[in-house]
Amino acid sequence: MIFAGRFAASDKMLERIGSLSSPSRASVMLDDLTRAQVAHVQGLRAAHAGDVATFLARLETVVEAFERTGDRNNVRLERTTIGWCWAEIGDFERAEAIVRENMAECIRAGAQQAITYANVNLGYILTHRPGRRDEARSLLGSAIEECRAVRNSRLEGWARAHASALEHAHGDHETSLEHAVHAVRLLSAAPSLHGWALATRARALLAVGRAADALDDALEAKAKLESLGGLLQGESLPPLVLAEVLAALERADEATAAANDARRRVERRAERLGRPEWRAFFLAVPDNARTLELGRA
């Protein structure tokens, strides 16, 4: 229900789960695995509101619990998610080290689902590492094929959106648009990812000179962000791309308002991270740095 964006209902259930699992209830004797699953779903909800710091704190506790209970399957999956959290904060070097180490364990275990998931996330991370374009493209391409083989539409869409960002960063805007078109279709049932995919397609359309076509996607992506209160991935992109599209259409006053809104959103999210070094990493992420630059301009 969280992935489907049904937050009112899922929040009601999470409140009940929190009540039932509270340590203050003398009758509650939950095993480590159950507590780990509770913490994981609570962290996942925070991630869908753009609160990656809370998700990271929860995940580290969760993985320790999975290790104690011998749940190696979930350890392999969620160590990659810890790397994703560090990438969202902007510490791509640490993120790469975590996911590479975990990838080696996944390969040794022959855990194909975990390998595919790691491929998606390492491809995303390497998009932001100098000189890693070819490896990032190869990893994302492998993940796309693996997801298609098992009909995992959500993860394929996730990989496609990352592939679009990779090609955009290196100037291949037609290929970027092709990936973005697929991502929008594949992620239609996951609103928090669909908003990011729409913004990705808007950016690709703008890059190929189709600003008028990009506007509808940009507006819809921003509307999804507003309605959900945050996005699991790419939360900075809808406000940024809307400002850029409006500027390209020479709607100056609207572009200025959109750019200032985008800047304020990034600054608020940076403050929520708390630690100064995390804020510095976060503000250096290309979309965030571009947002601040546009806001100042």
Protein backbone atom coordinates (compact mmCIF):
# COMPACT_ATOMS: atom_id res chain seq x y z
CA MET A 1 0.00 0.00 0.00
CA ILE A 2 2.95 2.32 0.63
CA PHE A 3 4.35 1.67 -2.84
CA ALA A 4 0.87 2.23 -4.27
CA GLY A 5 0.77 5.67 -2.63
CA ARG A 6 -2.19 4.80 -0.39
CA PHE A 7 -0.69 6.67 2.54
CA ALA A 8 -3.81 7.46 4.55
CA ALA A 9 -4.67 3.78 4.87
CA SER A 10 -1.09 2.61 5.33
CA ASP A 11 -0.42 5.26 8.00
CA LYS A 12 -3.45 4.05 9.93
CA MET A 13 -2.08 0.50 9.81
CA LEU A 14 1.40 1.69 10.78
CA GLU A 15 -0.05 3.45 13.81
CA ARG A 16 -1.70 0.18 14.86
CA ILE A 17 1.50 -1.78 14.19
CA GLY A 18 3.45 0.68 16.32
CA SER A 19 0.95 0.33 19.14
CA LEU A 20 0.98 -3.47 19.02
CA SER A 21 4.79 -3.69 18.92
CA SER A 22 5.52 -1.02 21.53
CA PRO A 23 8.04 -2.17 24.17
CA SER A 24 5.79 -0.55 26.79
CA ARG A 25 3.18 -3.27 26.26
CA ALA A 26 4.02 -5.92 28.83
CA SER A 27 2.28 -8.62 26.81
CA VAL A 28 4.39 -8.06 23.69
CA MET A 29 7.14 -10.64 23.16
CA LEU A 30 8.22 -10.14 19.57
CA ASP A 31 11.09 -12.06 18.04
CA ASP A 32 13.97 -10.23 16.34
CA LEU A 33 12.73 -10.99 12.83
CA THR A 34 9.30 -9.49 13.50
CA ARG A 35 10.83 -6.38 15.09
CA ALA A 36 13.10 -6.05 12.05
CA GLN A 37 10.15 -6.20 9.68
CA VAL A 38 8.28 -3.58 11.73
CA ALA A 39 11.28 -1.22 11.69
CA HIS A 40 11.75 -1.83 7.98
CA VAL A 41 8.21 -0.88 6.98
CA GLN A 42 8.34 2.19 9.25
CA GLY A 43 11.58 3.25 7.56
CA LEU A 44 10.15 2.59 4.12
CA ARG A 45 7.27 4.95 4.87
CA ALA A 46 9.76 7.65 5.92
CA ALA A 47 11.65 7.13 2.66
CA HIS A 48 8.46 7.73 0.67
CA ALA A 49 8.18 11.09 2.40
CA GLY A 50 11.75 11.94 1.36
CA ASP A 51 13.19 11.33 4.86
CA VAL A 52 16.25 9.30 3.95
CA ALA A 53 18.06 9.90 7.27
CA THR A 54 15.29 8.14 9.21
CA PHE A 55 15.22 5.31 6.67
CA LEU A 56 18.99 4.83 6.99
CA ALA A 57 18.85 4.71 10.81
CA ARG A 58 16.04 2.15 10.69
CA LEU A 59 17.76 0.05 8.02
CA GLU A 60 21.01 -0.28 9.95
CA THR A 61 19.07 -1.68 12.91
CA VAL A 62 17.05 -3.90 10.58
CA VAL A 63 20.10 -5.46 8.91
CA GLU A 64 21.67 -6.22 12.30
CA ALA A 65 18.47 -8.03 13.30
CA PHE A 66 18.34 -9.96 10.02
CA GLU A 67 21.94 -11.04 10.62
CA ARG A 68 21.15 -12.24 14.17
CA THR A 69 18.23 -14.32 12.90
CA GLY A 70 20.21 -15.76 10.00
CA ASP A 71 17.96 -14.21 7.34
CA ARG A 72 20.72 -13.92 4.73
CA ASN A 73 18.28 -13.21 1.91
CA ASN A 74 17.11 -9.97 3.49
CA VAL A 75 20.63 -9.06 4.61
CA ARG A 76 21.80 -9.19 0.99
CA LEU A 77 18.87 -7.10 -0.24
CA GLU A 78 18.94 -4.47 2.47
CA ARG A 79 22.69 -3.91 2.54
CA THR A 80 22.22 -2.63 -1.01
CA THR A 81 19.41 -0.39 0.26
CA ILE A 82 21.80 1.04 2.87
CA GLY A 83 24.11 1.93 -0.03
CA TRP A 84 21.13 3.56 -1.78
CA CYS A 85 20.52 5.69 1.31
CA TRP A 86 24.10 6.96 1.25
CA ALA A 87 23.69 7.77 -2.44
CA GLU A 88 20.52 9.74 -1.66
CA ILE A 89 22.46 11.68 0.96
CA GLY A 90 25.11 12.31 -1.70
CA ASP A 91 28.06 10.29 -0.35
CA PHE A 92 28.53 8.32 -3.56
CA GLU A 93 31.98 7.01 -2.62
CA ARG A 94 30.66 5.33 0.53
CA ALA A 95 27.58 4.12 -1.34
CA GLU A 96 29.72 2.49 -4.02
CA ALA A 97 31.92 0.71 -1.46
CA ILE A 98 28.90 -0.72 0.40
CA VAL A 99 27.09 -1.93 -2.72
CA ARG A 100 30.22 -3.39 -4.34
CA GLU A 101 31.05 -5.38 -1.20
CA ASN A 102 27.49 -6.61 -0.95
CA MET A 103 27.37 -7.40 -4.68
CA ALA A 104 30.31 -9.76 -4.24
CA GLU A 105 28.43 -11.59 -1.47
CA CYS A 106 25.28 -11.79 -3.63
CA ILE A 107 27.29 -13.30 -6.49
CA ARG A 108 28.96 -15.84 -4.18
CA ALA A 109 25.52 -16.88 -2.91
CA GLY A 110 24.01 -16.98 -6.39
CA ALA A 111 21.17 -14.76 -5.16
CA GLN A 112 19.84 -13.52 -8.50
CA GLN A 113 17.12 -11.20 -7.14
CA ALA A 114 19.66 -9.49 -4.90
CA ILE A 115 22.18 -9.28 -7.77
CA THR A 116 19.64 -7.56 -10.02
CA TYR A 117 18.69 -5.12 -7.28
CA ALA A 118 22.38 -4.38 -6.67
CA ASN A 119 22.94 -3.84 -10.41
CA VAL A 120 20.22 -1.17 -10.47
CA ASN A 121 21.60 0.66 -7.48
CA LEU A 122 25.26 0.40 -8.41
CA GLY A 123 24.39 1.68 -11.89
CA TYR A 124 22.65 4.66 -10.27
CA ILE A 125 25.61 5.32 -7.96
CA LEU A 126 28.19 5.09 -10.76
CA THR A 127 26.23 7.65 -12.78
CA HIS A 128 27.57 10.12 -10.22
CA ARG A 129 31.15 8.79 -10.15
CA PRO A 130 33.71 10.22 -12.62
CA GLY A 131 34.68 8.00 -15.53
CA ARG A 132 32.20 5.20 -14.77
CA ARG A 133 29.71 5.75 -17.59
CA ASP A 134 30.40 2.47 -19.42
CA GLU A 135 30.16 0.34 -16.29
CA ALA A 136 26.98 2.15 -15.18
CA ARG A 137 25.38 1.57 -18.59
CA SER A 138 26.35 -2.10 -18.55
CA LEU A 139 24.95 -2.67 -15.05
CA LEU A 140 21.68 -0.90 -15.80
CA GLY A 141 21.35 -2.72 -19.13
CA SER A 142 21.83 -6.07 -17.41
CA ALA A 143 19.28 -5.15 -14.75
CA ILE A 144 16.72 -4.13 -17.38
CA GLU A 145 17.05 -7.47 -19.18
CA GLU A 146 16.91 -9.44 -15.92
CA CYS A 147 13.77 -7.57 -14.82
CA ARG A 148 12.08 -8.11 -18.17
CA ALA A 149 12.81 -11.83 -17.94
CA VAL A 150 10.95 -12.15 -14.63
CA ARG A 151 8.37 -9.40 -15.38
CA ASN A 152 9.48 -7.18 -12.52
CA SER A 153 7.99 -3.98 -13.95
CA ARG A 154 8.70 -1.73 -10.98
CA LEU A 155 12.41 -2.54 -10.79
CA GLU A 156 12.76 -2.36 -14.57
CA GLY A 157 11.13 1.06 -14.54
CA TRP A 158 13.48 2.13 -11.76
CA ALA A 159 16.47 0.99 -13.82
CA ARG A 160 15.10 2.71 -16.95
CA ALA A 161 14.75 6.04 -15.13
CA HIS A 162 18.33 5.77 -13.86
CA ALA A 163 19.49 4.90 -17.40
CA SER A 164 17.71 8.00 -18.68
CA ALA A 165 19.57 10.13 -16.14
CA LEU A 166 22.87 8.55 -17.14
CA GLU A 167 22.38 9.27 -20.84
CA HIS A 168 21.14 12.79 -20.11
CA ALA A 169 24.29 13.52 -18.11
CA HIS A 170 26.42 12.48 -21.09
CA GLY A 171 24.41 14.31 -23.76
CA ASP A 172 22.67 11.36 -25.47
CA HIS A 173 19.23 12.91 -25.16
CA GLU A 174 17.38 10.69 -27.64
CA THR A 175 18.40 7.55 -25.73
CA SER A 176 17.57 9.33 -22.48
CA LEU A 177 14.07 10.01 -23.80
CA GLU A 178 13.62 6.41 -24.93
CA HIS A 179 14.42 5.11 -21.44
CA ALA A 180 12.21 7.75 -19.80
CA VAL A 181 9.21 6.81 -21.97
CA HIS A 182 9.54 3.19 -20.79
CA ALA A 183 10.00 4.29 -17.17
CA VAL A 184 6.78 6.31 -17.16
CA ARG A 185 4.83 3.34 -18.47
CA LEU A 186 6.42 0.78 -16.14
CA LEU A 187 6.09 2.84 -12.97
CA SER A 188 2.47 3.94 -13.46
CA ALA A 189 1.31 1.81 -10.50
CA ALA A 190 3.88 3.25 -8.06
CA PRO A 191 3.03 6.95 -7.59
CA SER A 192 6.14 7.90 -5.63
CA LEU A 193 8.30 6.54 -8.45
CA HIS A 194 5.95 7.61 -11.24
CA GLY A 195 6.35 11.28 -10.28
CA TRP A 196 10.12 10.92 -10.67
CA ALA A 197 9.70 9.12 -14.00
CA LEU A 198 7.44 11.87 -15.34
CA ALA A 199 10.00 14.50 -14.37
CA THR A 200 12.71 12.41 -16.02
CA ARG A 201 10.69 12.30 -19.26
CA ALA A 202 10.02 16.06 -19.02
CA ARG A 203 13.76 16.70 -18.73
CA ALA A 204 14.46 14.47 -21.73
CA LEU A 205 11.78 16.18 -23.81
CA LEU A 206 13.20 19.57 -22.90
CA ALA A 207 16.69 18.43 -23.87
CA VAL A 208 15.52 17.41 -27.37
CA GLY A 209 13.85 20.79 -27.87
CA ARG A 210 10.27 19.82 -27.05
CA ALA A 211 9.60 22.24 -24.20
CA ALA A 212 5.88 22.52 -24.93
CA ASP A 213 5.49 18.73 -24.71
CA ALA A 214 7.59 18.66 -21.54
CA LEU A 215 5.29 21.03 -19.68
CA ASP A 216 2.45 18.55 -19.12
CA ASP A 217 4.85 15.97 -17.66
CA ALA A 218 6.54 18.59 -15.49
CA LEU A 219 3.22 19.83 -14.11
CA GLU A 220 1.96 16.30 -13.43
CA ALA A 221 5.22 15.33 -11.71
CA LYS A 222 5.04 18.40 -9.47
CA ALA A 223 1.38 17.65 -8.68
CA LYS A 224 2.30 14.11 -7.60
CA LEU A 225 5.03 15.47 -5.35
CA GLU A 226 2.55 17.89 -3.78
CA SER A 227 -0.13 15.25 -3.25
CA LEU A 228 2.23 12.63 -1.80
CA GLY A 229 4.30 14.99 0.32
CA GLY A 230 7.56 13.47 -0.94
CA LEU A 231 9.02 11.01 -3.44
CA LEU A 232 10.96 7.82 -2.84
CA GLN A 233 13.43 8.72 -5.60
CA GLY A 234 14.32 11.92 -7.43
CA GLU A 235 12.36 14.32 -5.21
CA SER A 236 14.47 17.29 -6.35
CA LEU A 237 13.73 16.76 -10.03
CA PRO A 238 10.03 17.73 -10.48
CA PRO A 239 10.40 21.28 -9.05
CA LEU A 240 13.69 21.78 -10.90
CA VAL A 241 12.51 20.59 -14.29
CA LEU A 242 9.29 22.61 -14.01
CA ALA A 243 11.34 25.77 -13.50
CA GLU A 244 13.57 24.89 -16.46
CA VAL A 245 10.63 24.14 -18.76
CA LEU A 246 8.89 27.39 -17.83
CA ALA A 247 12.11 29.30 -18.47
CA ALA A 248 12.48 27.64 -21.88
CA LEU A 249 8.92 28.68 -22.71
CA GLU A 250 9.83 32.27 -21.71
CA ARG A 251 7.24 32.35 -18.93
CA ALA A 252 9.64 34.35 -16.80
CA ASP A 253 7.54 35.17 -13.75
CA GLU A 254 6.30 31.60 -13.40
CA ALA A 255 9.83 30.28 -13.93
CA THR A 256 11.18 32.55 -11.20
CA ALA A 257 8.48 31.42 -8.75
CA ALA A 258 9.12 27.76 -9.61
CA ALA A 259 12.89 28.15 -9.22
CA ASN A 260 12.50 29.76 -5.80
CA ASP A 261 10.10 27.01 -4.72
CA ALA A 262 12.57 24.36 -5.90
CA ARG A 263 15.43 26.04 -4.00
CA ARG A 264 13.44 26.26 -0.77
CA ARG A 265 12.48 22.60 -1.00
CA VAL A 266 16.10 21.50 -1.40
CA GLU A 267 17.23 23.71 1.47
CA ARG A 268 14.51 22.29 3.77
CA ARG A 269 15.50 18.73 2.94
CA ALA A 270 19.16 19.53 3.57
CA GLU A 271 18.31 20.96 6.99
CA ARG A 272 16.34 17.83 7.84
CA LEU A 273 19.49 15.72 7.39
CA GLY A 274 20.93 17.34 10.50
CA ARG A 275 24.64 16.62 10.19
CA PRO A 276 26.66 19.37 8.47
CA GLU A 277 28.74 16.88 6.48
CA TRP A 278 25.58 15.18 5.21
CA ARG A 279 24.11 18.52 4.20
CA ALA A 280 27.29 19.31 2.26
CA PHE A 281 27.12 15.99 0.38
CA PHE A 282 23.41 16.48 -0.33
CA LEU A 283 23.75 20.01 -1.69
CA ALA A 284 26.53 18.88 -4.02
CA VAL A 285 24.31 16.27 -5.74
CA PRO A 286 23.99 17.58 -9.34
CA ASP A 287 20.20 18.12 -9.33
CA ASN A 288 20.41 19.87 -5.96
CA ALA A 289 23.38 22.02 -6.98
CA ARG A 290 21.57 22.95 -10.18
CA THR A 291 18.45 23.85 -8.19
CA LEU A 292 20.42 26.20 -5.93
CA GLU A 293 22.15 27.75 -8.94
CA LEU A 294 18.83 28.33 -10.71
CA GLY A 295 17.25 29.74 -7.58
CA ARG A 296 20.07 32.24 -7.17
CA ALA A 297 19.87 33.21 -10.84
